[in-house]
Amino acid sequence: MKMSPEGKQFVEQVLAQSEGATLRFYGVAGCCGMNLGAEIAQAKEDDTVQTIEGIEIAVDPQIAEQLIDVTIHAEEENDQLGLVLLGYAPTSC
């Protein structure tokens, strides 16, 4: 997993408002397998915590393989800045 400069700036801004939390990726069971969820929260006991560009990121082991070649990025859409995962290919039926 990598992080673009825009992604780093966005994540830092969000985390500055959430004391003690981190960006956490987790698995959500669906009809076609494990899907990706993201939240600003404390790392769970089973999570792997990685430091990317100086920011700790928590990853649920169930979803880790889907994030190997992903870049955390931020883009503006409809005047709202939001998190984008470049290279993420969700599973589908």
Foldseek 3Di string as FASTA:
>chain_A
DAEDPQLVVVQVVVVVVPPPWAWEWEWDQDPQGTWIDIDTGHADPQWDWDAYPNGTYTYRPRCVVQLPPWYWHWDDDPNDIDIDTPPGDTGDD
